[in-house]
Amino acid sequence: MNKYLLLALAGTILLGATAFLVAKKHSTEVKINEDVQTQWKMFKKTFGKKFADPEQEHYRIEIFAENLETIKNDKTGTLGITQFADLSHEEFKSIYLTLQVESSEVKTVEYEVAADDVSINWVTAGKVTAVKNQGNCGSCWSFSTTGSFESALIIANKANNTLNLSEQQLIDCSYLNHGCNGGLMDKAFTYIKNHNLTTEAEYPYQAKQGKCQKVTGTQYSLQSYTDVKQGDIQDLLNSLQKQPVAIAVDANNWKLYTGGVFSNCGTSLDHGVLLVGYENNAWIVKNSWGTTWGEKGYIRLASGNTCGLANNASYPNV
């Protein structure tokens, strides 16, 4: 697991001078017709988008129009308008999806899974907590960590499914990680093993890194964590039958996902999420981009090692 460092860079998009300079380089001819204008108005209303001046908004609507073309040309039926529809691909990657990986090759263990053989859904079992939103902080690793830890505690009858653990404590205090500039689930598990983890109520989320605060309230502990065999689909399924699993994925093409079984991705890991089920030959994954993205905050991935989901997986032992 220490071969992967999730560095989903944080920060609010600069819609001022920086965006304007980028706009000058934006050479693609985009037709802003009445339909685009109508969808743009709905997009702004739905996601609360506001812009400081007409130049910035013009730049954003051009990108929005390009993303509409991508959606129109999609043959899979999995893409639509999300809160990221006014971001270029480069902007989306630079804010959310940056990864440093040591040179290595991961061999996927071939394994066929029949739909009738496996059916796991920890969400419908009531063992998965509510979808959260990391905002413009590259803290996906902390949400993957808390999500898996929350589920492990619920399954062990040490908490109920309203449990809400503190990502902010990990961002501020897990010094082996990099706060809003990324981190590793294994390093976060190690921190929790050594220091315990409190709740969101005790240590609220700020979407930015701050000074580590002393924790005096409710705390949860874990004994250890287990790494799933790298690239081994069978071991991942076996682990998932025990509890939800923290995984790293290639989310390079997730920007406009709105529903369906998704398969258009590689294996360049750049995002931390939570594997919560497997049904009808598809993996069920909980994300941390809020409930307006995807299928109420979830994505379904095609069976196999789609998006590299078996290449960096682990779970806590409570």
Protein backbone atom coordinates (compact mmCIF):
# COMPACT_ATOMS: atom_id res chain seq x y z
CA MET A 1 0.00 0.00 0.00
CA ASN A 2 2.89 2.42 0.65
CA LYS A 3 3.62 2.51 -3.08
CA TYR A 4 0.68 4.78 -3.62
CA LEU A 5 0.21 8.36 -2.45
CA LEU A 6 -3.17 9.90 -3.11
CA LEU A 7 -2.56 13.56 -3.79
CA ALA A 8 -5.90 14.96 -4.90
CA LEU A 9 -4.77 18.59 -4.80
CA ALA A 10 -7.05 20.91 -2.92
CA GLY A 11 -8.05 24.50 -3.38
CA THR A 12 -10.82 26.64 -4.70
CA ILE A 13 -10.65 27.25 -8.44
CA LEU A 14 -9.39 30.72 -9.13
CA LEU A 15 -12.06 32.29 -11.27
CA GLY A 16 -10.32 35.63 -11.41
CA ALA A 17 -7.14 36.50 -13.24
CA THR A 18 -5.94 32.92 -13.49
CA ALA A 19 -9.12 31.73 -15.16
CA PHE A 20 -9.03 34.68 -17.52
CA LEU A 21 -5.47 33.88 -18.58
CA VAL A 22 -6.45 30.27 -19.16
CA ALA A 23 -9.46 31.47 -21.11
CA LYS A 24 -7.19 33.30 -23.53
CA LYS A 25 -5.58 29.95 -24.31
CA HIS A 26 -8.96 28.32 -24.75
CA SER A 27 -8.98 28.10 -28.53
CA THR A 28 -11.81 25.63 -29.12
CA GLU A 29 -14.74 27.19 -30.95
CA VAL A 30 -17.83 26.58 -28.87
CA LYS A 31 -21.36 27.39 -29.96
CA ILE A 32 -23.37 28.88 -27.11
CA ASN A 33 -26.90 28.37 -28.41
CA GLU A 34 -30.24 28.78 -26.66
CA ASP A 35 -30.25 25.20 -25.41
CA VAL A 36 -26.83 25.64 -23.83
CA GLN A 37 -27.96 28.89 -22.22
CA THR A 38 -31.05 27.21 -20.79
CA GLN A 39 -29.07 24.30 -19.35
CA TRP A 40 -26.44 26.72 -18.04
CA LYS A 41 -29.07 28.67 -16.08
CA MET A 42 -30.42 25.44 -14.61
CA PHE A 43 -26.88 24.28 -13.78
CA LYS A 44 -26.11 27.52 -11.92
CA LYS A 45 -29.36 27.31 -9.98
CA THR A 46 -28.98 23.63 -9.12
CA PHE A 47 -25.40 23.88 -7.87
CA GLY A 48 -25.40 27.46 -6.59
CA LYS A 49 -22.77 28.65 -9.06
CA LYS A 50 -21.88 32.36 -8.99
CA PHE A 51 -19.24 34.31 -10.90
CA ALA A 52 -17.55 37.61 -10.14
CA ASP A 53 -17.73 39.10 -13.63
CA PRO A 54 -19.00 38.36 -17.18
CA GLU A 55 -15.56 37.32 -18.46
CA GLN A 56 -15.28 34.56 -15.89
CA GLU A 57 -18.79 33.35 -16.57
CA HIS A 58 -18.18 33.34 -20.32
CA TYR A 59 -15.12 31.14 -19.82
CA ARG A 60 -17.11 28.75 -17.64
CA ILE A 61 -20.05 28.49 -20.03
CA GLU A 62 -17.65 27.63 -22.87
CA ILE A 63 -16.29 24.73 -20.82
CA PHE A 64 -19.84 23.78 -19.87
CA ALA A 65 -20.79 23.66 -23.55
CA GLU A 66 -17.83 21.38 -24.29
CA ASN A 67 -18.87 19.07 -21.47
CA LEU A 68 -22.40 19.00 -22.89
CA GLU A 69 -20.90 17.77 -26.16
CA THR A 70 -19.06 15.04 -24.27
CA ILE A 71 -22.33 13.99 -22.66
CA LYS A 72 -24.14 14.10 -26.01
CA ASN A 73 -21.50 11.89 -27.65
CA ASP A 74 -21.40 9.38 -24.79
CA LYS A 75 -22.60 5.94 -25.92
CA THR A 76 -22.69 4.36 -22.47
CA GLY A 77 -25.51 6.39 -20.93
CA THR A 78 -23.48 6.95 -17.76
CA LEU A 79 -22.65 10.65 -18.20
CA GLY A 80 -24.65 13.76 -17.42
CA ILE A 81 -24.45 17.19 -15.81
CA THR A 82 -22.75 17.17 -12.41
CA GLN A 83 -21.37 19.90 -10.15
CA PHE A 84 -18.11 19.59 -12.11
CA ALA A 85 -19.64 20.39 -15.51
CA ASP A 86 -18.04 23.85 -15.61
CA LEU A 87 -14.53 22.45 -15.03
CA SER A 88 -12.14 21.51 -17.78
CA HIS A 89 -10.62 18.05 -17.57
CA GLU A 90 -7.29 19.60 -16.59
CA GLU A 91 -8.86 21.62 -13.78
CA PHE A 92 -10.74 18.60 -12.45
CA LYS A 93 -7.56 16.54 -12.38
CA SER A 94 -5.46 19.26 -10.76
CA ILE A 95 -7.96 19.80 -7.94
CA TYR A 96 -9.07 16.22 -7.22
CA LEU A 97 -6.91 13.67 -9.00
CA THR A 98 -3.15 13.79 -8.55
CA LEU A 99 -1.16 10.69 -7.62
CA GLN A 100 2.52 9.86 -7.08
CA VAL A 101 3.32 6.21 -7.71
CA GLU A 102 6.58 4.32 -7.43
CA SER A 103 7.44 2.44 -10.60
CA SER A 104 5.84 -0.98 -10.30
CA GLU A 105 3.67 -3.34 -12.25
CA VAL A 106 0.48 -4.75 -10.83
CA LYS A 107 -0.70 -8.05 -12.21
CA THR A 108 -4.43 -8.66 -11.93
CA VAL A 109 -5.37 -12.18 -10.89
CA GLU A 110 -7.91 -13.37 -13.44
CA TYR A 111 -11.16 -14.40 -11.80
CA GLU A 112 -14.63 -14.77 -13.26
CA VAL A 113 -17.52 -13.81 -11.00
CA ALA A 114 -21.01 -14.97 -11.98
CA ALA A 115 -23.90 -12.73 -10.99
CA ASP A 116 -25.62 -15.56 -9.12
CA ASP A 117 -22.50 -16.48 -7.16
CA VAL A 118 -21.96 -13.26 -5.23
CA SER A 119 -24.35 -10.65 -3.90
CA ILE A 120 -23.08 -8.22 -1.28
CA ASN A 121 -24.64 -4.88 -0.36
CA TRP A 122 -23.59 -3.30 2.90
CA VAL A 123 -25.71 -0.22 2.16
CA THR A 124 -29.03 -2.09 2.13
CA ALA A 125 -27.78 -4.06 5.14
CA GLY A 126 -27.66 -0.77 7.04
CA LYS A 127 -23.92 -0.94 7.70
CA VAL A 128 -22.80 2.10 5.67
CA THR A 129 -22.99 5.68 6.90
CA ALA A 130 -24.29 8.67 4.93
CA VAL A 131 -22.46 10.04 1.88
CA LYS A 132 -20.26 13.04 2.71
CA ASN A 133 -18.69 15.83 0.65
CA GLN A 134 -14.97 16.57 0.82
CA GLY A 135 -15.37 19.91 -0.99
CA ASN A 136 -12.29 21.52 -2.51
CA CYS A 137 -9.91 19.74 -0.15
CA GLY A 138 -7.88 16.81 -1.47
CA SER A 139 -8.88 14.69 1.49
CA CYS A 140 -10.47 11.70 -0.26
CA TRP A 141 -8.09 9.43 1.64
CA SER A 142 -9.56 10.56 4.98
CA PHE A 143 -13.15 9.90 3.83
CA SER A 144 -12.19 6.45 2.54
CA THR A 145 -10.60 5.79 5.92
CA THR A 146 -13.50 7.02 8.06
CA GLY A 147 -16.06 5.29 5.86
CA SER A 148 -14.40 1.90 6.25
CA PHE A 149 -13.81 2.46 9.98
CA GLU A 150 -17.42 3.54 10.56
CA SER A 151 -18.74 0.42 8.83
CA ALA A 152 -16.36 -1.86 10.72
CA LEU A 153 -17.56 -0.43 14.04
CA ILE A 154 -21.22 -0.78 13.04
CA ILE A 155 -20.75 -4.41 11.93
CA ALA A 156 -18.98 -5.15 15.22
CA ASN A 157 -21.94 -3.63 17.13
CA LYS A 158 -19.72 -0.93 18.58
CA ALA A 159 -21.74 1.88 16.98
CA ASN A 160 -24.91 2.48 14.95
CA ASN A 161 -25.21 3.71 11.37
CA THR A 162 -25.57 7.34 12.42
CA LEU A 163 -21.90 7.31 13.41
CA ASN A 164 -19.98 10.22 11.87
CA LEU A 165 -16.24 10.12 12.46
CA SER A 166 -13.88 13.07 12.05
CA GLU A 167 -12.01 13.43 8.77
CA GLN A 168 -10.67 16.74 10.06
CA GLN A 169 -8.75 15.05 12.86
CA LEU A 170 -6.97 12.94 10.26
CA ILE A 171 -6.30 15.97 8.05
CA ASP A 172 -4.85 18.01 10.92
CA CYS A 173 -3.13 15.34 12.98
CA SER A 174 -2.11 12.41 10.75
CA TYR A 175 1.32 13.84 10.01
CA LEU A 176 2.47 11.00 7.75
CA ASN A 177 -0.24 12.20 5.37
CA HIS A 178 -0.52 15.57 3.65
CA GLY A 179 -3.85 17.02 4.73
CA CYS A 180 -5.71 18.59 1.83
CA ASN A 181 -2.82 17.66 -0.44
CA GLY A 182 -3.49 13.95 -0.16
CA GLY A 183 -2.59 10.91 1.86
CA LEU A 184 -2.87 7.16 2.28
CA MET A 185 -5.56 5.13 3.96
CA ASP A 186 -2.99 2.78 5.52
CA LYS A 187 -1.16 5.70 7.12
CA ALA A 188 -4.48 7.00 8.42
CA PHE A 189 -5.28 3.58 9.88
CA THR A 190 -1.87 3.60 11.58
CA TYR A 191 -2.62 7.01 13.07
CA ILE A 192 -5.98 5.80 14.42
CA LYS A 193 -4.34 2.71 15.91
CA ASN A 194 -1.90 4.92 17.80
CA HIS A 195 -4.15 7.87 18.69
CA ASN A 196 -7.82 6.82 18.26
CA LEU A 197 -10.38 8.85 16.29
CA THR A 198 -13.15 11.14 17.51
CA THR A 199 -16.45 12.17 15.95
CA GLU A 200 -17.41 14.92 13.52
CA ALA A 201 -19.32 16.63 16.34
CA GLU A 202 -16.18 16.78 18.48
CA TYR A 203 -13.83 17.77 15.64
CA PRO A 204 -15.85 19.34 12.75
CA TYR A 205 -14.83 19.28 9.10
CA GLN A 206 -13.28 22.50 7.74
CA ALA A 207 -12.17 21.41 4.23
CA LYS A 208 -8.73 22.86 4.96
CA GLN A 209 -5.76 21.82 7.05
CA GLY A 210 -5.37 23.38 10.48
CA LYS A 211 -3.46 22.91 13.71
CA CYS A 212 -3.96 19.54 15.38
CA GLN A 213 -6.40 19.94 18.26
CA LYS A 214 -6.40 18.01 21.51
CA VAL A 215 -9.22 15.47 21.60
CA THR A 216 -10.97 14.91 24.93
CA GLY A 217 -14.40 13.57 23.95
CA THR A 218 -15.64 10.33 22.42
CA GLN A 219 -12.90 8.27 20.78
CA TYR A 220 -12.86 5.04 18.78
CA SER A 221 -9.91 2.67 18.50
CA LEU A 222 -8.81 -0.01 16.05
CA GLN A 223 -6.51 -2.96 16.53
CA SER A 224 -4.88 -3.15 13.10
CA TYR A 225 -5.59 -3.07 9.38
CA THR A 226 -5.32 -5.65 6.61
CA ASP A 227 -4.06 -5.10 3.06
CA VAL A 228 -5.89 -6.97 0.33
CA LYS A 229 -3.58 -8.88 -2.00
CA GLN A 230 -2.62 -6.49 -4.76
CA GLY A 231 -4.65 -7.03 -7.92
CA ASP A 232 -6.40 -10.11 -6.52
CA ILE A 233 -10.13 -9.93 -7.27
CA GLN A 234 -10.90 -13.09 -5.27
CA ASP A 235 -9.18 -11.73 -2.16
CA LEU A 236 -11.02 -8.43 -2.59
CA LEU A 237 -14.37 -10.23 -2.77
CA ASN A 238 -13.51 -12.32 0.27
CA SER A 239 -12.62 -9.14 2.16
CA LEU A 240 -15.79 -7.39 1.01
CA GLN A 241 -17.89 -10.24 2.37
CA LYS A 242 -16.52 -9.34 5.82
CA GLN A 243 -16.95 -5.56 5.59
CA PRO A 244 -16.63 -2.51 3.28
CA VAL A 245 -13.10 -1.97 1.96
CA ALA A 246 -11.11 1.24 1.51
CA ILE A 247 -9.82 1.33 -2.09
CA ALA A 248 -7.88 3.55 -4.46
CA VAL A 249 -9.20 3.97 -8.02
CA ASP A 250 -8.56 5.68 -11.32
CA ALA A 251 -11.29 8.36 -11.28
CA ASN A 252 -9.93 10.26 -14.26
CA ASN A 253 -13.23 9.96 -16.16
CA TRP A 254 -15.65 10.23 -13.26
CA LYS A 255 -16.26 13.97 -13.60
CA LEU A 256 -19.60 13.69 -15.43
CA TYR A 257 -20.83 10.35 -14.08
CA THR A 258 -24.54 10.39 -13.23
CA GLY A 259 -25.54 6.72 -13.19
CA GLY A 260 -25.26 3.23 -14.64
CA VAL A 261 -22.45 0.69 -14.70
CA PHE A 262 -19.21 2.50 -15.51
CA SER A 263 -16.15 0.94 -17.15
CA ASN A 264 -14.35 3.74 -19.01
CA CYS A 265 -11.22 4.04 -16.90
CA GLY A 266 -7.63 2.90 -16.61
CA THR A 267 -5.63 1.85 -13.57
CA SER A 268 -3.68 5.03 -12.72
CA LEU A 269 -4.85 5.36 -9.13
CA ASP A 270 -5.76 8.91 -8.16
CA HIS A 271 -8.71 8.83 -5.72
CA GLY A 272 -9.67 7.14 -2.45
CA VAL A 273 -13.20 5.73 -2.05
CA LEU A 274 -15.11 2.97 -0.25
CA LEU A 275 -16.13 -0.37 -1.78
CA VAL A 276 -19.50 -1.28 -0.23
CA GLY A 277 -20.97 -4.02 -2.39
CA TYR A 278 -21.09 -6.30 -5.41
CA GLU A 279 -24.38 -7.05 -7.20
CA ASN A 280 -25.40 -8.03 -10.72
CA ASN A 281 -21.79 -8.18 -11.93
CA ALA A 282 -21.03 -4.66 -10.72
CA TRP A 283 -19.10 -3.20 -7.81
CA ILE A 284 -20.88 -0.63 -5.63
CA VAL A 285 -18.64 2.24 -4.54
CA LYS A 286 -19.33 5.09 -2.10
CA ASN A 287 -17.69 8.38 -3.08
CA SER A 288 -17.12 11.61 -1.11
CA TRP A 289 -18.39 14.21 -3.61
CA GLY A 290 -21.84 14.65 -2.08
CA THR A 291 -25.20 13.15 -2.99
CA THR A 292 -25.77 15.25 -6.13
CA TRP A 293 -22.97 13.38 -7.92
CA GLY A 294 -23.50 9.93 -9.43
CA GLU A 295 -26.20 7.67 -8.01
CA LYS A 296 -26.88 9.69 -4.85
CA GLY A 297 -23.16 9.77 -4.15
CA TYR A 298 -22.39 6.23 -5.34
CA ILE A 299 -20.95 4.76 -8.54
CA ARG A 300 -21.29 1.24 -9.95
CA LEU A 301 -18.22 -0.19 -11.65
CA ALA A 302 -18.09 -3.13 -14.06
CA SER A 303 -16.85 -6.44 -12.64
CA GLY A 304 -13.16 -7.24 -12.68
CA ASN A 305 -10.36 -4.85 -11.79
CA THR A 306 -12.21 -1.84 -13.24
CA CYS A 307 -10.49 1.47 -12.47
CA GLY A 308 -7.74 -0.52 -10.72
CA LEU A 309 -9.97 -0.99 -7.68
CA ALA A 310 -8.16 -4.16 -6.59
CA ASN A 311 -4.67 -2.66 -6.76
CA ASN A 312 -4.67 -0.73 -3.47
CA ALA A 313 -7.26 -1.94 -0.98
CA SER A 314 -7.36 -2.37 2.79
CA TYR A 315 -9.73 -2.51 5.74
CA PRO A 316 -9.54 -1.87 9.49
CA ASN A 317 -9.82 -4.52 12.18
CA VAL A 318 -11.74 -3.35 15.24
